[in-house]
């Protein structure tokens, strides 16, 4: 079971990996995240299409209401905070966020591992849902679309796939 925030869901939807993720994992999120996604589709935003794709799959997400997100700071927004509360309240395996600024503050708030969405891409490989080559191509596509190519999140995501050279299967 995973709890995913807006940034993680948008990243996965950007490269059309949301359907296999939803098929392989019980993905949970909050009404706050859904509201953020609905807000994203209202504006001319690079993530607009991906947010729209996430909302089209809403029936495959378990959406919880978190009345008091409790955790909000200059680095943790209300959506991430609501996911931290959900991850604390539910028996989940991971809290997914692609906000590297929030990640260090989120990790101590939850008993589970807080990770970037690329860890789920790697899990899809381990489950045989996609090949390692497909995963690496999706990672490159995701990095380009999300403007990660020179960012620390891209280097962190690449480390998940360092053991196997591209096209090794």
Foldseek 3Di string as FASTA:
>chain_A
DEEEALQQQLLCLLLPNVVVLLVVDQYEFEVVRLVVLVVLCVDPDLSNVSSVVSVVCVVSYHYYYDPPLPDDDPQAHSRNSVSLVVQAVDVDAEYEDLRPSCQVVSQVSHPHHYYYNLVSLLVCCVVVVDPLLVSVVSLVSSCVSVVNPPPPSSVVSVVSSVVADHPND
